[in-house]
Amino acid sequence: MSSLTIAVINTGGTISCTGNPLAPMSAQAFAAASESLLTPILLQQFPGLTVTYITDLPFPESASQTLDSTNLQPTDWCLIAGYILSHYAQYDGWVVLHGT
C-alpha cells in the first residue's frame, strides 16, 4: 500500500469524554489517547497510513477546544470547513468526529 495521510478533527461530545461521570477531554488529550490506542491498530491493517489528529482548531467558546454537538452552531461548522479548506492539500482524506 502506498502512503496515505488522513486528518481527524474531533469537535467534542461523548466520543471524547472520559471518566465517571463523563467529562470532555481536551483536543490534545483526545489526540494523545487516539495516537496510543487507535493508531497502532490502524497501522496493522494499513501500514502506509499516517493519521494526524488536529489540535489547533479552536472553538472560541470552549476552554478545552472541543464542543458537544448540541452546542455546535453554524459558525462552528464554518470554522471546521474553513480549517479543512486551508489545509486541504496536506491530506488525502478528512474525518470529522462531530457527534449526533
PDB file of N, CA and C in Angstrom:
ATOM      1  N   MET A   1       0.848  -1.183   0.000  1.00  0.00           N
ATOM      2  CA  MET A   1       0.000   0.000   0.000  1.00  0.00           C
ATOM      3  C   MET A   1       0.889   1.240   0.000  1.00  0.00           C
ATOM      4  N   SER A   2       0.562   2.190  -0.822  1.00  0.00           N
ATOM      5  CA  SER A   2       1.301   3.449  -0.812  1.00  0.00           C
ATOM      6  C   SER A   2       0.893   4.266   0.406  1.00  0.00           C
ATOM      7  N   SER A   3       1.628   5.331   0.654  1.00  0.00           N
ATOM      8  CA  SER A   3       1.331   6.133   1.835  1.00  0.00           C
ATOM      9  C   SER A   3       0.012   6.888   1.666  1.00  0.00           C
ATOM     10  N   LEU A   4      -0.667   7.053   2.749  1.00  0.00           N
ATOM     11  CA  LEU A   4      -1.956   7.722   2.794  1.00  0.00           C
ATOM     12  C   LEU A   4      -1.988   8.569   4.054  1.00  0.00           C
ATOM     13  N   THR A   5      -2.378   9.825   3.926  1.00  0.00           N
ATOM     14  CA  THR A   5      -2.438  10.709   5.091  1.00  0.00           C
ATOM     15  C   THR A   5      -3.882  11.110   5.351  1.00  0.00           C
ATOM     16  N   ILE A   6      -4.293  10.943   6.580  1.00  0.00           N
ATOM     17  CA  ILE A   6      -5.651  11.256   6.998  1.00  0.00           C
ATOM     18  C   ILE A   6      -5.586  12.240   8.157  1.00  0.00           C
ATOM     19  N   ALA A   7      -6.449  13.243   8.123  1.00  0.00           N
ATOM     20  CA  ALA A   7      -6.564  14.185   9.236  1.00  0.00           C
ATOM     21  C   ALA A   7      -7.878  13.915   9.954  1.00  0.00           C
ATOM     22  N   VAL A   8      -7.838  13.932  11.286  1.00  0.00           N
ATOM     23  CA  VAL A   8      -9.019  13.705  12.102  1.00  0.00           C
ATOM     24  C   VAL A   8      -9.282  14.954  12.931  1.00  0.00           C
ATOM     25  N   ILE A   9     -10.469  15.511  12.757  1.00  0.00           N
ATOM     26  CA  ILE A   9     -10.916  16.632  13.579  1.00  0.00           C
ATOM     27  C   ILE A   9     -11.953  16.096  14.547  1.00  0.00           C
ATOM     28  N   ASN A  10     -11.686  16.237  15.828  1.00  0.00           N
ATOM     29  CA  ASN A  10     -12.653  15.863  16.848  1.00  0.00           C
ATOM     30  C   ASN A  10     -13.287  17.131  17.387  1.00  0.00           C
ATOM     31  N   THR A  11     -14.587  17.294  17.153  1.00  0.00           N
ATOM     32  CA  THR A  11     -15.248  18.503  17.637  1.00  0.00           C
ATOM     33  C   THR A  11     -15.624  18.408  19.104  1.00  0.00           C
ATOM     34  N   GLY A  12     -15.683  17.186  19.637  1.00  0.00           N
ATOM     35  CA  GLY A  12     -16.038  17.002  21.039  1.00  0.00           C
ATOM     36  C   GLY A  12     -17.231  16.078  21.184  1.00  0.00           C
ATOM     37  N   GLY A  13     -17.858  16.122  22.327  1.00  0.00           N
ATOM     38  CA  GLY A  13     -19.019  15.282  22.584  1.00  0.00           C
ATOM     39  C   GLY A  13     -18.641  13.972  23.239  1.00  0.00           C
ATOM     40  N   THR A  14     -19.590  13.060  23.277  1.00  0.00           N
ATOM     41  CA  THR A  14     -19.437  11.806  24.005  1.00  0.00           C
ATOM     42  C   THR A  14     -18.235  10.999  23.554  1.00  0.00           C
ATOM     43  N   ILE A  15     -17.922  11.034  22.244  1.00  0.00           N
ATOM     44  CA  ILE A  15     -16.812  10.221  21.733  1.00  0.00           C
ATOM     45  C   ILE A  15     -15.481  10.598  22.381  1.00  0.00           C
ATOM     46  N   SER A  16     -15.384  11.801  22.890  1.00  0.00           N
ATOM     47  CA  SER A  16     -14.117  12.213  23.513  1.00  0.00           C
ATOM     48  C   SER A  16     -14.304  12.567  24.982  1.00  0.00           C
ATOM     49  N   CYS A  17     -15.210  11.853  25.628  1.00  0.00           N
ATOM     50  CA  CYS A  17     -15.387  12.017  27.070  1.00  0.00           C
ATOM     51  C   CYS A  17     -14.767  10.832  27.793  1.00  0.00           C
ATOM     52  N   THR A  18     -14.395  11.067  29.023  1.00  0.00           N
ATOM     53  CA  THR A  18     -13.788  10.017  29.836  1.00  0.00           C
ATOM     54  C   THR A  18     -14.213  10.220  31.285  1.00  0.00           C
ATOM     55  N   GLY A  19     -14.074   9.174  32.057  1.00  0.00           N
ATOM     56  CA  GLY A  19     -14.342   9.271  33.484  1.00  0.00           C
ATOM     57  C   GLY A  19     -15.764   8.894  33.858  1.00  0.00           C
ATOM     58  N   ASN A  20     -16.027   8.970  35.167  1.00  0.00           N
ATOM     59  CA  ASN A  20     -17.348   8.677  35.696  1.00  0.00           C
ATOM     60  C   ASN A  20     -17.637   9.676  36.804  1.00  0.00           C
ATOM     61  N   PRO A  21     -18.472  10.669  36.564  1.00  0.00           N
ATOM     62  CA  PRO A  21     -19.286  10.857  35.366  1.00  0.00           C
ATOM     63  C   PRO A  21     -18.435  11.333  34.192  1.00  0.00           C
ATOM     64  N   LEU A  22     -18.986  11.150  33.001  1.00  0.00           N
ATOM     65  CA  LEU A  22     -18.263  11.535  31.791  1.00  0.00           C
ATOM     66  C   LEU A  22     -17.955  13.025  31.785  1.00  0.00           C
ATOM     67  N   ALA A  23     -16.739  13.343  31.374  1.00  0.00           N
ATOM     68  CA  ALA A  23     -16.304  14.732  31.237  1.00  0.00           C
ATOM     69  C   ALA A  23     -15.501  14.840  29.949  1.00  0.00           C
ATOM     70  N   PRO A  24     -15.587  15.972  29.253  1.00  0.00           N
ATOM     71  CA  PRO A  24     -14.876  16.110  27.977  1.00  0.00           C
ATOM     72  C   PRO A  24     -13.365  16.165  28.150  1.00  0.00           C
ATOM     73  N   MET A  25     -12.670  15.544  27.185  1.00  0.00           N
ATOM     74  CA  MET A  25     -11.212  15.664  27.102  1.00  0.00           C
ATOM     75  C   MET A  25     -10.887  16.862  26.224  1.00  0.00           C
ATOM     76  N   SER A  26      -9.737  17.426  26.428  1.00  0.00           N
ATOM     77  CA  SER A  26      -9.275  18.481  25.531  1.00  0.00           C
ATOM     78  C   SER A  26      -8.911  17.859  24.191  1.00  0.00           C
ATOM     79  N   ALA A  27      -8.760  18.693  23.189  1.00  0.00           N
ATOM     80  CA  ALA A  27      -8.341  18.206  21.869  1.00  0.00           C
ATOM     81  C   ALA A  27      -6.989  17.507  21.969  1.00  0.00           C
ATOM     82  N   GLN A  28      -6.084  18.046  22.776  1.00  0.00           N
ATOM     83  CA  GLN A  28      -4.760  17.453  22.935  1.00  0.00           C
ATOM     84  C   GLN A  28      -4.838  16.091  23.632  1.00  0.00           C
ATOM     85  N   ALA A  29      -5.677  15.968  24.657  1.00  0.00           N
ATOM     86  CA  ALA A  29      -5.822  14.694  25.365  1.00  0.00           C
ATOM     87  C   ALA A  29      -6.448  13.638  24.459  1.00  0.00           C
ATOM     88  N   PHE A  30      -7.438  14.047  23.656  1.00  0.00           N
ATOM     89  CA  PHE A  30      -8.055  13.109  22.723  1.00  0.00           C
ATOM     90  C   PHE A  30      -7.030  12.633  21.697  1.00  0.00           C
ATOM     91  N   ALA A  31      -6.233  13.552  21.183  1.00  0.00           N
ATOM     92  CA  ALA A  31      -5.209  13.190  20.201  1.00  0.00           C
ATOM     93  C   ALA A  31      -4.202  12.212  20.803  1.00  0.00           C
ATOM     94  N   ALA A  32      -3.754  12.481  22.015  1.00  0.00           N
ATOM     95  CA  ALA A  32      -2.776  11.602  22.666  1.00  0.00           C
ATOM     96  C   ALA A  32      -3.368  10.208  22.896  1.00  0.00           C
ATOM     97  N   ALA A  33      -4.614  10.147  23.360  1.00  0.00           N
ATOM     98  CA  ALA A  33      -5.261   8.855  23.594  1.00  0.00           C
ATOM     99  C   ALA A  33      -5.448   8.105  22.278  1.00  0.00           C
ATOM    100  N   SER A  34      -5.860   8.805  21.253  1.00  0.00           N
ATOM    101  CA  SER A  34      -6.081   8.180  19.944  1.00  0.00           C
ATOM    102  C   SER A  34      -4.773   7.675  19.351  1.00  0.00           C
ATOM    103  N   GLU A  35      -3.716   8.479  19.475  1.00  0.00           N
ATOM    104  CA  GLU A  35      -2.416   8.058  18.948  1.00  0.00           C
ATOM    105  C   GLU A  35      -1.910   6.797  19.640  1.00  0.00           C
ATOM    106  N   SER A  36      -2.160   6.665  20.935  1.00  0.00           N
ATOM    107  CA  SER A  36      -1.649   5.488  21.640  1.00  0.00           C
ATOM    108  C   SER A  36      -2.575   4.284  21.520  1.00  0.00           C
ATOM    109  N   LEU A  37      -3.882   4.502  21.381  1.00  0.00           N
ATOM    110  CA  LEU A  37      -4.826   3.379  21.354  1.00  0.00           C
ATOM    111  C   LEU A  37      -5.295   2.993  19.954  1.00  0.00           C
ATOM    112  N   LEU A  38      -5.605   3.976  19.117  1.00  0.00           N
ATOM    113  CA  LEU A  38      -6.188   3.693  17.801  1.00  0.00           C
ATOM    114  C   LEU A  38      -5.166   3.549  16.687  1.00  0.00           C
ATOM    115  N   THR A  39      -4.200   4.436  16.659  1.00  0.00           N
ATOM    116  CA  THR A  39      -3.246   4.438  15.557  1.00  0.00           C
ATOM    117  C   THR A  39      -2.511   3.110  15.402  1.00  0.00           C
ATOM    118  N   PRO A  40      -2.046   2.459  16.473  1.00  0.00           N
ATOM    119  CA  PRO A  40      -1.375   1.164  16.284  1.00  0.00           C
ATOM    120  C   PRO A  40      -2.279   0.119  15.625  1.00  0.00           C
ATOM    121  N   ILE A  41      -3.544   0.130  15.958  1.00  0.00           N
ATOM    122  CA  ILE A  41      -4.495  -0.815  15.351  1.00  0.00           C
ATOM    123  C   ILE A  41      -4.673  -0.504  13.868  1.00  0.00           C
ATOM    124  N   LEU A  42      -4.811   0.780  13.551  1.00  0.00           N
ATOM    125  CA  LEU A  42      -4.956   1.183  12.144  1.00  0.00           C
ATOM    126  C   LEU A  42      -3.723   0.808  11.328  1.00  0.00           C
ATOM    127  N   LEU A  43      -2.545   0.982  11.924  1.00  0.00           N
ATOM    128  CA  LEU A  43      -1.307   0.683  11.206  1.00  0.00           C
ATOM    129  C   LEU A  43      -1.121  -0.809  10.932  1.00  0.00           C
ATOM    130  N   GLN A  44      -1.718  -1.658  11.748  1.00  0.00           N
ATOM    131  CA  GLN A  44      -1.662  -3.095  11.474  1.00  0.00           C
ATOM    132  C   GLN A  44      -2.377  -3.410  10.165  1.00  0.00           C
ATOM    133  N   GLN A  45      -3.483  -2.759   9.932  1.00  0.00           N
ATOM    134  CA  GLN A  45      -4.271  -3.002   8.721  1.00  0.00           C
ATOM    135  C   GLN A  45      -3.759  -2.183   7.532  1.00  0.00           C
ATOM    136  N   PHE A  46      -3.287  -0.971   7.819  1.00  0.00           N
ATOM    137  CA  PHE A  46      -2.863  -0.046   6.760  1.00  0.00           C
ATOM    138  C   PHE A  46      -1.462   0.485   7.081  1.00  0.00           C
ATOM    139  N   PRO A  47      -0.423  -0.279   6.776  1.00  0.00           N
ATOM    140  CA  PRO A  47       0.942   0.089   7.181  1.00  0.00           C
ATOM    141  C   PRO A  47       1.431   1.442   6.664  1.00  0.00           C
ATOM    142  N   GLY A  48       0.956   1.905   5.527  1.00  0.00           N
ATOM    143  CA  GLY A  48       1.426   3.176   4.985  1.00  0.00           C
ATOM    144  C   GLY A  48       0.634   4.380   5.449  1.00  0.00           C
ATOM    145  N   LEU A  49      -0.267   4.179   6.392  1.00  0.00           N
ATOM    146  CA  LEU A  49      -1.165   5.238   6.841  1.00  0.00           C
ATOM    147  C   LEU A  49      -0.482   6.188   7.813  1.00  0.00           C
ATOM    148  N   THR A  50      -0.731   7.472   7.637  1.00  0.00           N
ATOM    149  CA  THR A  50      -0.342   8.482   8.611  1.00  0.00           C
ATOM    150  C   THR A  50      -1.610   9.179   9.061  1.00  0.00           C
ATOM    151  N   VAL A  51      -1.862   9.165  10.361  1.00  0.00           N
ATOM    152  CA  VAL A  51      -3.053   9.811  10.907  1.00  0.00           C
ATOM    153  C   VAL A  51      -2.598  11.007  11.727  1.00  0.00           C
ATOM    154  N   THR A  52      -3.170  12.159  11.429  1.00  0.00           N
ATOM    155  CA  THR A  52      -2.896  13.372  12.189  1.00  0.00           C
ATOM    156  C   THR A  52      -4.172  13.779  12.901  1.00  0.00           C
ATOM    157  N   TYR A  53      -4.105  13.901  14.207  1.00  0.00           N
ATOM    158  CA  TYR A  53      -5.239  14.355  14.994  1.00  0.00           C
ATOM    159  C   TYR A  53      -5.086  15.864  15.187  1.00  0.00           C
ATOM    160  N   ILE A  54      -6.006  16.601  14.628  1.00  0.00           N
ATOM    161  CA  ILE A  54      -5.921  18.062  14.618  1.00  0.00           C
ATOM    162  C   ILE A  54      -6.185  18.603  16.018  1.00  0.00           C
ATOM    163  N   THR A  55      -5.267  19.434  16.506  1.00  0.00           N
ATOM    164  CA  THR A  55      -5.426  20.026  17.839  1.00  0.00           C
ATOM    165  C   THR A  55      -5.379  21.548  17.818  1.00  0.00           C
ATOM    166  N   ASP A  56      -5.223  22.112  16.642  1.00  0.00           N
ATOM    167  CA  ASP A  56      -5.097  23.575  16.582  1.00  0.00           C
ATOM    168  C   ASP A  56      -6.312  24.243  15.934  1.00  0.00           C
ATOM    169  N   LEU A  57      -7.476  23.621  16.055  1.00  0.00           N
ATOM    170  CA  LEU A  57      -8.727  24.228  15.587  1.00  0.00           C
ATOM    171  C   LEU A  57      -9.520  24.631  16.822  1.00  0.00           C
ATOM    172  N   PRO A  58      -9.387  25.880  17.258  1.00  0.00           N
ATOM    173  CA  PRO A  58     -10.069  26.293  18.487  1.00  0.00           C
ATOM    174  C   PRO A  58     -11.529  26.693  18.227  1.00  0.00           C
ATOM    175  N   PHE A  59     -12.370  26.327  19.170  1.00  0.00           N
ATOM    176  CA  PHE A  59     -13.733  26.846  19.201  1.00  0.00           C
ATOM    177  C   PHE A  59     -13.735  27.929  20.275  1.00  0.00           C
ATOM    178  N   PRO A  60     -13.959  29.184  19.894  1.00  0.00           N
ATOM    179  CA  PRO A  60     -13.763  30.313  20.817  1.00  0.00           C
ATOM    180  C   PRO A  60     -14.510  30.190  22.144  1.00  0.00           C
ATOM    181  N   GLU A  61     -15.663  29.519  22.141  1.00  0.00           N
ATOM    182  CA  GLU A  61     -16.450  29.450  23.371  1.00  0.00           C
ATOM    183  C   GLU A  61     -16.084  28.253  24.257  1.00  0.00           C
ATOM    184  N   SER A  62     -14.952  27.591  23.968  1.00  0.00           N
ATOM    185  CA  SER A  62     -14.590  26.388  24.712  1.00  0.00           C
ATOM    186  C   SER A  62     -13.151  26.437  25.187  1.00  0.00           C
ATOM    187  N   ALA A  63     -12.947  26.241  26.485  1.00  0.00           N
ATOM    188  CA  ALA A  63     -11.590  26.195  27.041  1.00  0.00           C
ATOM    189  C   ALA A  63     -10.857  24.923  26.611  1.00  0.00           C
ATOM    190  N   SER A  64     -11.608  23.829  26.370  1.00  0.00           N
ATOM    191  CA  SER A  64     -10.979  22.549  26.003  1.00  0.00           C
ATOM    192  C   SER A  64     -10.747  22.427  24.496  1.00  0.00           C
ATOM    193  N   GLN A  65     -11.145  23.418  23.732  1.00  0.00           N
ATOM    194  CA  GLN A  65     -11.060  23.421  22.263  1.00  0.00           C
ATOM    195  C   GLN A  65     -11.969  22.383  21.627  1.00  0.00           C
ATOM    196  N   THR A  66     -12.939  21.876  22.371  1.00  0.00           N
ATOM    197  CA  THR A  66     -13.934  20.966  21.819  1.00  0.00           C
ATOM    198  C   THR A  66     -15.309  21.402  22.325  1.00  0.00           C
ATOM    199  N   LEU A  67     -16.340  21.021  21.573  1.00  0.00           N
ATOM    200  CA  LEU A  67     -17.710  21.334  21.965  1.00  0.00           C
ATOM    201  C   LEU A  67     -18.585  20.115  21.744  1.00  0.00           C
ATOM    202  N   ASP A  68     -19.543  19.913  22.615  1.00  0.00           N
ATOM    203  CA  ASP A  68     -20.536  18.879  22.394  1.00  0.00           C
ATOM    204  C   ASP A  68     -21.341  19.254  21.155  1.00  0.00           C
ATOM    205  N   SER A  69     -21.793  18.251  20.418  1.00  0.00           N
ATOM    206  CA  SER A  69     -22.519  18.525  19.174  1.00  0.00           C
ATOM    207  C   SER A  69     -23.777  19.359  19.419  1.00  0.00           C
ATOM    208  N   THR A  70     -24.366  19.260  20.609  1.00  0.00           N
ATOM    209  CA  THR A  70     -25.554  20.068  20.899  1.00  0.00           C
ATOM    210  C   THR A  70     -25.213  21.548  21.031  1.00  0.00           C
ATOM    211  N   ASN A  71     -23.939  21.855  21.241  1.00  0.00           N
ATOM    212  CA  ASN A  71     -23.509  23.248  21.372  1.00  0.00           C
ATOM    213  C   ASN A  71     -22.892  23.820  20.101  1.00  0.00           C
ATOM    214  N   LEU A  72     -22.605  22.962  19.116  1.00  0.00           N
ATOM    215  CA  LEU A  72     -22.041  23.453  17.862  1.00  0.00           C
ATOM    216  C   LEU A  72     -23.081  24.275  17.117  1.00  0.00           C
ATOM    217  N   GLN A  73     -22.656  25.400  16.620  1.00  0.00           N
ATOM    218  CA  GLN A  73     -23.521  26.311  15.883  1.00  0.00           C
ATOM    219  C   GLN A  73     -23.031  26.421  14.433  1.00  0.00           C
ATOM    220  N   PRO A  74     -23.837  26.987  13.540  1.00  0.00           N
ATOM    221  CA  PRO A  74     -23.382  27.173  12.153  1.00  0.00           C
ATOM    222  C   PRO A  74     -22.035  27.899  12.054  1.00  0.00           C
ATOM    223  N   THR A  75     -21.760  28.815  12.965  1.00  0.00           N
ATOM    224  CA  THR A  75     -20.458  29.493  12.922  1.00  0.00           C
ATOM    225  C   THR A  75     -19.318  28.507  13.192  1.00  0.00           C
ATOM    226  N   ASP A  76     -19.579  27.513  14.052  1.00  0.00           N
ATOM    227  CA  ASP A  76     -18.566  26.490  14.321  1.00  0.00           C
ATOM    228  C   ASP A  76     -18.371  25.594  13.106  1.00  0.00           C
ATOM    229  N   TRP A  77     -19.453  25.255  12.412  1.00  0.00           N
ATOM    230  CA  TRP A  77     -19.339  24.456  11.184  1.00  0.00           C
ATOM    231  C   TRP A  77     -18.488  25.202  10.163  1.00  0.00           C
ATOM    232  N   CYS A  78     -18.654  26.536  10.121  1.00  0.00           N
ATOM    233  CA  CYS A  78     -17.847  27.343   9.204  1.00  0.00           C
ATOM    234  C   CYS A  78     -16.373  27.316   9.601  1.00  0.00           C
ATOM    235  N   LEU A  79     -16.087  27.304  10.914  1.00  0.00           N
ATOM    236  CA  LEU A  79     -14.697  27.184  11.378  1.00  0.00           C
ATOM    237  C   LEU A  79     -14.092  25.866  10.913  1.00  0.00           C
ATOM    238  N   ILE A  80     -14.876  24.784  11.039  1.00  0.00           N
ATOM    239  CA  ILE A  80     -14.408  23.464  10.618  1.00  0.00           C
ATOM    240  C   ILE A  80     -14.144  23.463   9.112  1.00  0.00           C
ATOM    241  N   ALA A  81     -15.111  23.956   8.344  1.00  0.00           N
ATOM    242  CA  ALA A  81     -14.971  23.983   6.881  1.00  0.00           C
ATOM    243  C   ALA A  81     -13.787  24.854   6.470  1.00  0.00           C
ATOM    244  N   GLY A  82     -13.633  26.000   7.111  1.00  0.00           N
ATOM    245  CA  GLY A  82     -12.512  26.890   6.795  1.00  0.00           C
ATOM    246  C   GLY A  82     -11.174  26.236   7.094  1.00  0.00           C
ATOM    247  N   TYR A  83     -11.094  25.516   8.202  1.00  0.00           N
ATOM    248  CA  TYR A  83      -9.857  24.821   8.554  1.00  0.00           C
ATOM    249  C   TYR A  83      -9.522  23.780   7.492  1.00  0.00           C
ATOM    250  N   ILE A  84     -10.526  22.990   7.123  1.00  0.00           N
ATOM    251  CA  ILE A  84     -10.303  21.960   6.111  1.00  0.00           C
ATOM    252  C   ILE A  84      -9.871  22.588   4.792  1.00  0.00           C
ATOM    253  N   LEU A  85     -10.543  23.643   4.381  1.00  0.00           N
ATOM    254  CA  LEU A  85     -10.178  24.295   3.113  1.00  0.00           C
ATOM    255  C   LEU A  85      -8.752  24.822   3.139  1.00  0.00           C
ATOM    256  N   SER A  86      -8.337  25.404   4.286  1.00  0.00           N
ATOM    257  CA  SER A  86      -6.980  25.955   4.320  1.00  0.00           C
ATOM    258  C   SER A  86      -5.887  24.906   4.414  1.00  0.00           C
ATOM    259  N   HIS A  87      -6.228  23.684   4.802  1.00  0.00           N
ATOM    260  CA  HIS A  87      -5.242  22.617   4.928  1.00  0.00           C
ATOM    261  C   HIS A  87      -5.549  21.440   4.005  1.00  0.00           C
ATOM    262  N   TYR A  88      -6.461  21.636   3.087  1.00  0.00           N
ATOM    263  CA  TYR A  88      -6.999  20.552   2.269  1.00  0.00           C
ATOM    264  C   TYR A  88      -5.920  19.736   1.552  1.00  0.00           C
ATOM    265  N   ALA A  89      -4.989  20.415   0.936  1.00  0.00           N
ATOM    266  CA  ALA A  89      -3.984  19.741   0.109  1.00  0.00           C
ATOM    267  C   ALA A  89      -2.952  18.952   0.916  1.00  0.00           C
ATOM    268  N   GLN A  90      -2.912  19.156   2.222  1.00  0.00           N
ATOM    269  CA  GLN A  90      -1.922  18.467   3.053  1.00  0.00           C
ATOM    270  C   GLN A  90      -2.294  17.009   3.327  1.00  0.00           C
ATOM    271  N   TYR A  91      -3.559  16.637   3.102  1.00  0.00           N
ATOM    272  CA  TYR A  91      -4.035  15.309   3.477  1.00  0.00           C
ATOM    273  C   TYR A  91      -4.782  14.663   2.320  1.00  0.00           C
ATOM    274  N   ASP A  92      -4.791  13.339   2.316  1.00  0.00           N
ATOM    275  CA  ASP A  92      -5.544  12.603   1.306  1.00  0.00           C
ATOM    276  C   ASP A  92      -7.013  12.460   1.686  1.00  0.00           C
ATOM    277  N   GLY A  93      -7.312  12.568   2.973  1.00  0.00           N
ATOM    278  CA  GLY A  93      -8.682  12.421   3.430  1.00  0.00           C
ATOM    279  C   GLY A  93      -8.882  13.083   4.780  1.00  0.00           C
ATOM    280  N   TRP A  94     -10.135  13.344   5.090  1.00  0.00           N
ATOM    281  CA  TRP A  94     -10.516  14.015   6.334  1.00  0.00           C
ATOM    282  C   TRP A  94     -11.601  13.220   7.032  1.00  0.00           C
ATOM    283  N   VAL A  95     -11.521  13.150   8.356  1.00  0.00           N
ATOM    284  CA  VAL A  95     -12.576  12.567   9.183  1.00  0.00           C
ATOM    285  C   VAL A  95     -12.956  13.639  10.211  1.00  0.00           C
ATOM    286  N   VAL A  96     -14.246  13.953  10.268  1.00  0.00           N
ATOM    287  CA  VAL A  96     -14.745  14.902  11.259  1.00  0.00           C
ATOM    288  C   VAL A  96     -15.625  14.141  12.232  1.00  0.00           C
ATOM    289  N   LEU A  97     -15.179  14.044  13.475  1.00  0.00           N
ATOM    290  CA  LEU A  97     -15.972  13.423  14.533  1.00  0.00           C
ATOM    291  C   LEU A  97     -16.834  14.530  15.132  1.00  0.00           C
ATOM    292  N   HIS A  98     -18.104  14.502  14.786  1.00  0.00           N
ATOM    293  CA  HIS A  98     -18.990  15.634  15.059  1.00  0.00           C
ATOM    294  C   HIS A  98     -20.036  15.340  16.112  1.00  0.00           C
ATOM    295  N   GLY A  99     -20.384  14.114  16.335  1.00  0.00           N
ATOM    296  CA  GLY A  99     -21.452  13.806  17.293  1.00  0.00           C
ATOM    297  C   GLY A  99     -22.778  13.609  16.586  1.00  0.00           C
ATOM    298  N   THR A 100     -23.822  13.618  17.375  1.00  0.00           N
ATOM    299  CA  THR A 100     -25.146  13.326  16.819  1.00  0.00           C
ATOM    300  C   THR A 100     -25.765  14.502  16.111  1.00  0.00           C
TER     301      THR A 100
END
